[in-house]
Amino acid sequence: MLKRFIAIAAFASLTALAPTAGHADPYKWCANYGGDMGGASNCGFTTWDQCMATVSGIGGSCDINQFYTGAEQPSPRVKRKRHTG
């Protein structure tokens, strides 16, 4: 009985420690800091405006997160007028 318990405990601990599939970053925008920040980045922004507000005054730029896997925003449709005639 003890051997069975040890085997089950070992299997459970190995299963819990096994690597799982990685999850991509859900945020679309990254702030890239330069200069004194040493090239650090922060990919925690859902909008470009959020990112730009963060880097304004301290320097840096905002770029699209290359690991973003969220839903793409649909491009705005241009309404066309129908010509009757």
N, C-alpha and C. Protein backbone atom coordinates (compact mmCIF):
# COMPACT_ATOMS: atom_id res chain seq x y z
N MET A 1 0.82 -1.19 0.00
CA MET A 1 0.00 0.00 0.00
C MET A 1 0.86 1.26 0.00
N LEU A 2 1.95 1.23 0.77
CA LEU A 2 2.83 2.39 0.86
C LEU A 2 3.50 2.67 -0.49
N LYS A 3 3.88 1.61 -1.20
CA LYS A 3 4.52 1.78 -2.51
C LYS A 3 3.55 2.44 -3.50
N ARG A 4 2.30 2.03 -3.44
CA ARG A 4 1.29 2.61 -4.32
C ARG A 4 1.10 4.10 -4.01
N PHE A 5 1.04 4.44 -2.73
CA PHE A 5 0.90 5.84 -2.32
C PHE A 5 2.08 6.67 -2.79
N ILE A 6 3.30 6.17 -2.65
CA ILE A 6 4.50 6.88 -3.08
C ILE A 6 4.49 7.06 -4.60
N ALA A 7 4.07 6.04 -5.33
CA ALA A 7 4.01 6.15 -6.79
C ALA A 7 3.00 7.19 -7.23
N ILE A 8 1.85 7.21 -6.58
CA ILE A 8 0.82 8.21 -6.93
C ILE A 8 1.30 9.61 -6.58
N ALA A 9 1.94 9.77 -5.43
CA ALA A 9 2.45 11.08 -5.02
C ALA A 9 3.54 11.56 -5.98
N ALA A 10 4.41 10.66 -6.40
CA ALA A 10 5.48 11.03 -7.34
C ALA A 10 4.89 11.44 -8.69
N PHE A 11 3.92 10.68 -9.17
CA PHE A 11 3.28 11.02 -10.44
C PHE A 11 2.57 12.38 -10.36
N ALA A 12 1.89 12.62 -9.25
CA ALA A 12 1.18 13.90 -9.09
C ALA A 12 2.15 15.07 -9.05
N SER A 13 3.26 14.90 -8.37
CA SER A 13 4.23 16.01 -8.30
C SER A 13 4.90 16.25 -9.65
N LEU A 14 5.19 15.20 -10.40
CA LEU A 14 5.78 15.37 -11.73
C LEU A 14 4.79 16.04 -12.69
N THR A 15 3.53 15.67 -12.58
CA THR A 15 2.50 16.28 -13.42
C THR A 15 2.35 17.76 -13.10
N ALA A 16 2.40 18.12 -11.84
CA ALA A 16 2.26 19.52 -11.43
C ALA A 16 3.45 20.35 -11.88
N LEU A 17 4.63 19.76 -11.95
CA LEU A 17 5.84 20.50 -12.32
C LEU A 17 6.13 20.48 -13.81
N ALA A 18 5.37 19.73 -14.57
CA ALA A 18 5.60 19.63 -16.01
C ALA A 18 5.34 20.98 -16.68
N PRO A 19 6.17 21.34 -17.66
CA PRO A 19 5.95 22.61 -18.35
C PRO A 19 4.65 22.59 -19.14
N THR A 20 4.01 23.73 -19.18
CA THR A 20 2.77 23.85 -19.93
C THR A 20 3.00 24.75 -21.13
N ALA A 21 2.05 24.78 -22.02
CA ALA A 21 2.16 25.63 -23.20
C ALA A 21 2.19 27.09 -22.77
N GLY A 22 3.04 27.88 -23.41
CA GLY A 22 3.16 29.29 -23.06
C GLY A 22 1.97 30.09 -23.55
N HIS A 23 1.71 31.16 -22.88
CA HIS A 23 0.62 32.04 -23.27
C HIS A 23 1.22 33.32 -23.82
N ALA A 24 0.70 33.77 -24.92
CA ALA A 24 1.19 34.99 -25.53
C ALA A 24 0.65 36.20 -24.77
N ASP A 25 1.30 37.30 -24.99
CA ASP A 25 0.95 38.55 -24.32
C ASP A 25 -0.37 39.09 -24.86
N PRO A 26 -1.33 39.40 -23.99
CA PRO A 26 -2.62 39.88 -24.45
C PRO A 26 -2.67 41.38 -24.77
N TYR A 27 -1.57 42.08 -24.54
CA TYR A 27 -1.57 43.52 -24.75
C TYR A 27 -0.94 43.87 -26.09
N LYS A 28 -1.60 44.77 -26.83
CA LYS A 28 -1.20 45.05 -28.20
C LYS A 28 -0.02 46.02 -28.32
N TRP A 29 0.20 46.89 -27.34
CA TRP A 29 1.21 47.95 -27.49
C TRP A 29 2.32 47.82 -26.46
N CYS A 30 3.54 48.09 -26.90
CA CYS A 30 4.72 48.06 -26.03
C CYS A 30 5.37 49.43 -25.99
N ALA A 31 5.75 49.87 -24.78
CA ALA A 31 6.54 51.08 -24.62
C ALA A 31 8.00 50.66 -24.59
N ASN A 32 8.80 51.24 -25.45
CA ASN A 32 10.23 50.95 -25.51
C ASN A 32 10.97 52.18 -25.02
N TYR A 33 11.65 52.01 -23.89
CA TYR A 33 12.37 53.11 -23.27
C TYR A 33 13.82 53.09 -23.73
N GLY A 34 14.39 54.23 -23.90
CA GLY A 34 15.78 54.31 -24.32
C GLY A 34 16.60 55.07 -23.31
N GLY A 35 17.85 55.35 -23.66
CA GLY A 35 18.72 56.18 -22.83
C GLY A 35 19.03 55.55 -21.49
N ASP A 36 18.74 56.27 -20.40
CA ASP A 36 19.08 55.83 -19.06
C ASP A 36 18.31 54.60 -18.62
N MET A 37 17.22 54.28 -19.31
CA MET A 37 16.42 53.11 -18.94
C MET A 37 17.07 51.81 -19.40
N GLY A 38 18.12 51.88 -20.19
CA GLY A 38 18.85 50.69 -20.61
C GLY A 38 18.13 49.84 -21.63
N GLY A 39 17.23 50.42 -22.39
CA GLY A 39 16.53 49.67 -23.42
C GLY A 39 15.40 48.80 -22.90
N ALA A 40 14.85 49.16 -21.79
CA ALA A 40 13.75 48.37 -21.21
C ALA A 40 12.48 48.54 -22.03
N SER A 41 11.56 47.61 -21.86
CA SER A 41 10.27 47.73 -22.54
C SER A 41 9.16 47.27 -21.61
N ASN A 42 7.95 47.73 -21.90
CA ASN A 42 6.77 47.38 -21.12
C ASN A 42 5.64 47.12 -22.11
N CYS A 43 5.23 45.88 -22.22
CA CYS A 43 4.16 45.51 -23.15
C CYS A 43 2.85 45.33 -22.39
N GLY A 44 2.42 46.35 -21.68
CA GLY A 44 1.22 46.25 -20.88
C GLY A 44 0.17 47.28 -21.23
N PHE A 45 0.03 47.59 -22.51
CA PHE A 45 -0.90 48.64 -22.92
C PHE A 45 -1.88 48.11 -23.95
N THR A 46 -3.15 48.45 -23.75
CA THR A 46 -4.17 47.99 -24.69
C THR A 46 -4.39 48.98 -25.82
N THR A 47 -4.02 50.24 -25.61
CA THR A 47 -4.19 51.24 -26.67
C THR A 47 -2.90 52.01 -26.89
N TRP A 48 -2.77 52.57 -28.07
CA TRP A 48 -1.61 53.38 -28.41
C TRP A 48 -1.58 54.63 -27.54
N ASP A 49 -2.75 55.21 -27.27
CA ASP A 49 -2.82 56.41 -26.43
C ASP A 49 -2.30 56.15 -25.01
N GLN A 50 -2.63 55.00 -24.44
CA GLN A 50 -2.11 54.63 -23.12
C GLN A 50 -0.59 54.58 -23.14
N CYS A 51 -0.07 53.93 -24.14
CA CYS A 51 1.38 53.78 -24.27
C CYS A 51 2.06 55.14 -24.42
N MET A 52 1.52 55.97 -25.29
CA MET A 52 2.12 57.29 -25.52
C MET A 52 2.06 58.17 -24.28
N ALA A 53 0.98 58.06 -23.51
CA ALA A 53 0.88 58.84 -22.27
C ALA A 53 1.96 58.41 -21.28
N THR A 54 2.32 57.15 -21.30
CA THR A 54 3.35 56.65 -20.40
C THR A 54 4.74 57.13 -20.79
N VAL A 55 5.05 57.13 -22.07
CA VAL A 55 6.41 57.51 -22.48
C VAL A 55 6.58 59.02 -22.62
N SER A 56 5.48 59.77 -22.64
CA SER A 56 5.62 61.22 -22.78
C SER A 56 6.30 61.78 -21.54
N GLY A 57 7.30 62.57 -21.75
CA GLY A 57 8.03 63.18 -20.64
C GLY A 57 9.22 62.38 -20.17
N ILE A 58 9.23 61.07 -20.38
CA ILE A 58 10.38 60.28 -19.94
C ILE A 58 11.17 59.71 -21.13
N GLY A 59 10.61 59.86 -22.32
CA GLY A 59 11.29 59.38 -23.51
C GLY A 59 10.94 57.94 -23.84
N GLY A 60 11.03 57.65 -25.08
CA GLY A 60 10.73 56.30 -25.55
C GLY A 60 9.78 56.35 -26.72
N SER A 61 9.37 55.18 -27.15
CA SER A 61 8.45 55.08 -28.28
C SER A 61 7.49 53.93 -28.03
N CYS A 62 6.45 53.88 -28.83
CA CYS A 62 5.45 52.81 -28.73
C CYS A 62 5.43 52.02 -30.03
N ASP A 63 5.43 50.72 -29.88
CA ASP A 63 5.40 49.82 -31.04
C ASP A 63 4.38 48.73 -30.78
N ILE A 64 3.93 48.11 -31.87
CA ILE A 64 3.00 46.98 -31.75
C ILE A 64 3.75 45.80 -31.14
N ASN A 65 3.11 45.12 -30.20
CA ASN A 65 3.67 43.95 -29.55
C ASN A 65 3.71 42.80 -30.56
N GLN A 66 4.90 42.29 -30.84
CA GLN A 66 5.03 41.23 -31.85
C GLN A 66 4.46 39.89 -31.37
N PHE A 67 4.17 39.78 -30.07
CA PHE A 67 3.62 38.54 -29.54
C PHE A 67 2.13 38.65 -29.26
N TYR A 68 1.50 39.72 -29.67
CA TYR A 68 0.07 39.93 -29.43
C TYR A 68 -0.74 38.91 -30.20
N THR A 69 -1.69 38.27 -29.52
CA THR A 69 -2.52 37.26 -30.17
C THR A 69 -4.01 37.55 -30.03
N GLY A 70 -4.36 38.72 -29.56
CA GLY A 70 -5.76 39.06 -29.37
C GLY A 70 -6.47 39.30 -30.70
N ALA A 71 -7.74 39.60 -30.57
CA ALA A 71 -8.55 39.84 -31.76
C ALA A 71 -8.13 41.13 -32.45
N GLU A 72 -8.07 41.09 -33.72
CA GLU A 72 -7.76 42.29 -34.50
C GLU A 72 -8.98 43.18 -34.55
N GLN A 73 -8.76 44.46 -34.48
CA GLN A 73 -9.84 45.42 -34.62
C GLN A 73 -10.22 45.50 -36.10
N PRO A 74 -11.49 45.42 -36.40
CA PRO A 74 -11.87 45.53 -37.81
C PRO A 74 -11.59 46.94 -38.31
N SER A 75 -11.14 47.02 -39.53
CA SER A 75 -10.88 48.34 -40.10
C SER A 75 -12.21 49.03 -40.38
N PRO A 76 -12.25 50.34 -40.16
CA PRO A 76 -13.53 51.03 -40.38
C PRO A 76 -13.95 50.94 -41.84
N ARG A 77 -15.22 50.71 -42.04
CA ARG A 77 -15.75 50.61 -43.40
C ARG A 77 -16.14 51.99 -43.89
N VAL A 78 -15.86 52.23 -45.11
CA VAL A 78 -16.23 53.50 -45.73
C VAL A 78 -17.62 53.34 -46.30
N LYS A 79 -18.50 54.24 -45.89
CA LYS A 79 -19.86 54.18 -46.43
C LYS A 79 -19.89 54.86 -47.79
N ARG A 80 -20.43 54.16 -48.72
CA ARG A 80 -20.53 54.72 -50.07
C ARG A 80 -21.98 55.10 -50.35
N LYS A 81 -22.13 56.22 -50.98
CA LYS A 81 -23.47 56.65 -51.34
C LYS A 81 -23.89 55.94 -52.60
N ARG A 82 -25.13 55.57 -52.63
CA ARG A 82 -25.68 54.95 -53.84
C ARG A 82 -26.13 56.03 -54.78
N HIS A 83 -25.74 55.86 -56.00
CA HIS A 83 -26.17 56.81 -57.02
C HIS A 83 -27.46 56.27 -57.64
N THR A 84 -28.46 57.09 -57.58
CA THR A 84 -29.71 56.69 -58.22
C THR A 84 -29.86 57.50 -59.49
N GLY A 85 -30.32 56.90 -60.45
CA GLY A 85 -30.46 57.71 -61.63
C GLY A 85 -30.80 56.99 -62.81
